[in-house]
Amino acid sequence: MARWPDVPDVYGWLSLSERGEWRLHPQGDALLPEHCVPDALSAGEAITSPAILQFMNRNYAADAAGQWYFQNGPQRVYVRLDAAPYIVHTVQDATSSRLRTHTGHDVASVSAWWLDDSGKLYALTDLGPALISGRDLADLLARLRLADGTSLLEALDSGLTDEQLIQWTGENTTAPLRFCSASEVAAILDFVPCPALSRIAS
């Protein structure tokens, strides 16, 4: 890094989809204002090379301002986040069930859960803020329990709206579940969906 101190950061070329897919934007337009609103996100092109994906997953991080980037040698390639910095899936084997990020890392702990008004579930994990993948949401909700053992899914069906301490089946720790609007998620979980040069911390 010290050998190339003046390599400029890159913006607008990379995004992370709600499904946890890395997307390339060949026109560099991912961060145009019209492409940074939830209903008009430019899709970009899927990155499919296993070697490139592994390299990106190993070199993914956040700066002090909550902007996420891929470190490509001496250059930071900032990422538009269509949902959250991490997209997590449930992984099950014969003895356990756990959460795994789109980068292939297992979540060790969750300190808080957030359910937004569109029905999306977020977790503040030891790795960073994460969205529960839509395909795993129903299964995870069924495994989360209130303090009295009630299924969270059943409680939500009954109209639960107050903050609750919940536990993931098989884990001995609890974390609060809170409710918020979709527009509040990024601020609550402290990440920047659409990074910009002016927001970088000095």
Protein backbone atom coordinates (compact mmCIF):
# COMPACT_ATOMS: atom_id res chain seq x y z
CA MET A 1 0.00 0.00 0.00
CA ALA A 2 2.85 2.39 0.87
CA ARG A 3 4.28 1.96 -2.63
CA TRP A 4 1.15 3.46 -4.23
CA PRO A 5 0.00 6.21 -1.84
CA ASP A 6 -1.94 8.22 -4.41
CA VAL A 7 -4.12 5.57 -6.06
CA PRO A 8 -7.64 7.08 -6.11
CA ASP A 9 -10.61 5.28 -4.60
CA VAL A 10 -13.25 4.00 -7.02
CA TYR A 11 -16.98 4.68 -6.83
CA GLY A 12 -19.98 3.54 -8.84
CA TRP A 13 -18.59 0.30 -10.25
CA LEU A 14 -19.68 -2.28 -7.69
CA SER A 15 -22.82 -3.21 -5.77
CA LEU A 16 -23.98 -5.96 -3.43
CA SER A 17 -27.51 -7.16 -4.15
CA GLU A 18 -30.17 -8.09 -1.63
CA ARG A 19 -29.41 -11.72 -2.48
CA GLY A 20 -25.73 -11.34 -1.61
CA GLU A 21 -24.54 -11.19 -5.23
CA TRP A 22 -21.61 -9.03 -6.25
CA ARG A 23 -22.62 -6.94 -9.28
CA LEU A 24 -20.39 -5.02 -11.68
CA HIS A 25 -21.57 -1.72 -13.20
CA PRO A 26 -19.47 -1.23 -16.39
CA GLN A 27 -20.73 2.32 -16.89
CA GLY A 28 -19.73 3.36 -13.37
CA ASP A 29 -23.30 4.50 -12.75
CA ALA A 30 -24.23 2.54 -9.61
CA LEU A 31 -24.13 5.65 -7.41
CA LEU A 32 -26.01 8.08 -9.65
CA PRO A 33 -28.83 9.63 -7.59
CA GLU A 34 -31.49 8.00 -9.74
CA HIS A 35 -29.86 4.60 -9.13
CA CYS A 36 -29.57 4.95 -5.36
CA VAL A 37 -33.24 4.74 -4.44
CA PRO A 38 -34.79 1.40 -3.44
CA ASP A 39 -37.23 1.11 -6.34
CA ALA A 40 -34.75 2.14 -9.04
CA LEU A 41 -31.48 0.36 -8.24
CA SER A 42 -29.49 -0.38 -11.39
CA ALA A 43 -28.96 -4.14 -11.57
CA GLY A 44 -25.47 -4.27 -13.06
CA GLU A 45 -23.90 -7.52 -14.22
CA ALA A 46 -23.33 -10.63 -12.11
CA ILE A 47 -19.73 -11.46 -11.22
CA THR A 48 -19.46 -15.24 -11.56
CA SER A 49 -15.75 -16.15 -11.57
CA PRO A 50 -15.11 -18.25 -8.42
CA ALA A 51 -11.55 -16.96 -8.12
CA ILE A 52 -12.63 -13.32 -8.34
CA LEU A 53 -15.49 -13.86 -5.89
CA GLN A 54 -13.16 -15.51 -3.36
CA PHE A 55 -10.70 -12.64 -3.71
CA MET A 56 -13.45 -10.06 -3.19
CA ASN A 57 -14.89 -11.92 -0.21
CA ARG A 58 -11.47 -12.04 1.47
CA ASN A 59 -10.87 -8.32 0.99
CA TYR A 60 -14.21 -6.82 2.00
CA ALA A 61 -14.23 -4.27 4.82
CA ALA A 62 -15.64 -0.97 6.08
CA ASP A 63 -14.07 2.43 6.65
CA ALA A 64 -14.59 4.63 9.71
CA ALA A 65 -17.61 6.31 8.11
CA GLY A 66 -19.56 3.06 7.67
CA GLN A 67 -18.87 2.79 3.95
CA TRP A 68 -18.04 -0.70 2.70
CA TYR A 69 -15.44 -1.45 0.08
CA PHE A 70 -13.46 -4.15 -1.68
CA GLN A 71 -9.70 -3.68 -1.30
CA ASN A 72 -8.22 -4.33 -4.74
CA GLY A 73 -4.46 -4.08 -4.19
CA PRO A 74 -3.73 -0.43 -3.33
CA GLN A 75 -7.21 0.69 -4.39
CA ARG A 76 -10.50 0.76 -2.53
CA VAL A 77 -13.56 -0.03 -4.64
CA TYR A 78 -16.57 1.28 -2.75
CA VAL A 79 -19.76 -0.77 -2.80
CA ARG A 80 -23.38 0.27 -3.13
CA LEU A 81 -25.32 -1.81 -0.62
CA ASP A 82 -28.79 -2.69 -1.86
CA ALA A 83 -29.82 -4.07 1.55
CA ALA A 84 -26.98 -4.40 4.10
CA PRO A 85 -23.21 -4.99 4.30
CA TYR A 86 -23.76 -8.73 4.76
CA ILE A 87 -26.45 -11.06 3.50
CA VAL A 88 -26.71 -14.12 5.72
CA HIS A 89 -28.16 -17.58 5.15
CA THR A 90 -28.99 -20.33 7.59
CA VAL A 91 -26.70 -23.37 7.43
CA GLN A 92 -27.69 -26.62 9.05
CA ASP A 93 -25.92 -29.88 9.72
CA ALA A 94 -26.63 -32.90 11.89
CA THR A 95 -25.84 -31.11 15.15
CA SER A 96 -26.31 -27.37 14.69
CA SER A 97 -27.87 -24.49 12.81
CA ARG A 98 -25.93 -21.31 12.21
CA LEU A 99 -25.80 -18.13 10.14
CA ARG A 100 -23.26 -17.69 7.34
CA THR A 101 -22.52 -14.51 5.41
CA HIS A 102 -22.40 -14.16 1.64
CA THR A 103 -18.60 -13.97 2.07
CA GLY A 104 -18.53 -17.47 3.59
CA HIS A 105 -17.94 -16.53 7.25
CA ASP A 106 -19.96 -17.99 10.10
CA VAL A 107 -21.61 -15.54 12.49
CA ALA A 108 -20.40 -16.06 16.05
CA SER A 109 -22.92 -13.83 17.82
CA VAL A 110 -25.93 -11.56 17.32
CA SER A 111 -26.35 -8.58 19.66
CA ALA A 112 -29.64 -7.25 18.26
CA TRP A 113 -32.35 -8.07 15.73
CA TRP A 114 -34.44 -5.57 13.78
CA LEU A 115 -37.66 -6.28 11.87
CA ASP A 116 -38.66 -3.53 9.45
CA ASP A 117 -42.11 -2.57 8.25
CA SER A 118 -41.61 -4.41 4.96
CA GLY A 119 -41.04 -7.71 6.78
CA LYS A 120 -37.25 -7.89 6.39
CA LEU A 121 -35.19 -9.14 9.32
CA TYR A 122 -31.77 -7.66 10.11
CA ALA A 123 -29.14 -8.75 12.62
CA LEU A 124 -26.30 -6.83 14.23
CA THR A 125 -23.62 -9.53 14.20
CA ASP A 126 -20.03 -9.77 15.36
CA LEU A 127 -19.04 -9.33 11.68
CA GLY A 128 -21.28 -6.34 11.00
CA PRO A 129 -24.86 -5.47 10.03
CA ALA A 130 -26.64 -8.19 8.08
CA LEU A 131 -29.91 -8.91 6.31
CA ILE A 132 -31.40 -12.37 6.67
CA SER A 133 -31.76 -13.78 3.17
CA GLY A 134 -35.38 -13.87 2.06
CA ARG A 135 -35.22 -17.57 1.24
CA ASP A 136 -34.17 -18.35 4.83
CA LEU A 137 -36.42 -15.89 6.63
CA ALA A 138 -39.39 -18.14 7.41
CA ASP A 139 -37.14 -20.94 8.66
CA LEU A 140 -35.18 -18.62 10.95
CA LEU A 141 -38.31 -16.92 12.31
CA ALA A 142 -39.63 -20.36 13.21
CA ARG A 143 -36.42 -21.08 15.16
CA LEU A 144 -36.40 -17.80 17.10
CA ARG A 145 -38.14 -17.95 20.48
CA LEU A 146 -39.44 -15.44 22.98
CA ALA A 147 -38.31 -15.71 26.59
CA ASP A 148 -41.34 -17.84 27.44
CA GLY A 149 -40.56 -20.30 24.64
CA THR A 150 -43.20 -19.02 22.23
CA SER A 151 -42.22 -19.16 18.58
CA LEU A 152 -41.46 -15.67 17.29
CA LEU A 153 -43.29 -16.50 14.09
CA GLU A 154 -46.44 -17.33 16.08
CA ALA A 155 -46.05 -14.17 18.15
CA LEU A 156 -45.73 -12.03 15.02
CA ASP A 157 -48.82 -13.67 13.56
CA SER A 158 -50.63 -12.61 16.73
CA GLY A 159 -49.61 -8.99 16.25
CA LEU A 160 -46.43 -8.63 18.30
CA THR A 161 -45.10 -5.05 18.06
CA ASP A 162 -43.20 -4.48 21.33
CA GLU A 163 -39.48 -5.03 21.85
CA GLN A 164 -38.72 -8.56 23.01
CA LEU A 165 -35.71 -10.57 24.09
CA ILE A 166 -35.43 -13.53 21.75
CA GLN A 167 -33.27 -16.62 21.53
CA TRP A 168 -32.21 -18.63 18.53
CA THR A 169 -32.97 -22.34 18.98
CA GLY A 170 -29.84 -24.12 20.16
CA GLU A 171 -28.11 -20.96 21.40
CA ASN A 172 -27.89 -19.94 25.06
CA THR A 173 -27.75 -16.19 24.47
CA THR A 174 -30.61 -13.75 23.96
CA ALA A 175 -30.75 -10.49 22.03
CA PRO A 176 -33.44 -7.82 21.70
CA LEU A 177 -35.78 -7.75 18.75
CA ARG A 178 -36.82 -4.23 17.80
CA PHE A 179 -39.10 -2.82 15.14
CA CYS A 180 -38.35 -0.02 12.67
CA SER A 181 -39.26 1.37 9.27
CA ALA A 182 -37.27 0.30 6.22
CA SER A 183 -36.01 3.87 5.78
CA GLU A 184 -34.36 3.79 9.24
CA VAL A 185 -32.36 0.58 8.86
CA ALA A 186 -29.10 2.05 7.52
CA ALA A 187 -28.97 4.75 10.20
CA ILE A 188 -29.82 2.34 13.01
CA LEU A 189 -27.25 -0.25 11.92
CA ASP A 190 -24.70 2.44 11.04
CA PHE A 191 -23.81 1.76 7.41
CA VAL A 192 -23.87 3.87 4.26
CA PRO A 193 -25.89 2.31 1.41
CA CYS A 194 -24.55 4.66 -1.27
CA PRO A 195 -20.98 5.74 -0.49
CA ALA A 196 -19.66 9.05 -1.75
CA LEU A 197 -16.26 10.72 -1.64
CA SER A 198 -17.56 13.58 0.51
CA ARG A 199 -18.60 11.15 3.27
CA ILE A 200 -15.21 9.51 3.80
CA ALA A 201 -13.78 10.15 7.22
CA SER A 202 -10.43 11.89 7.22
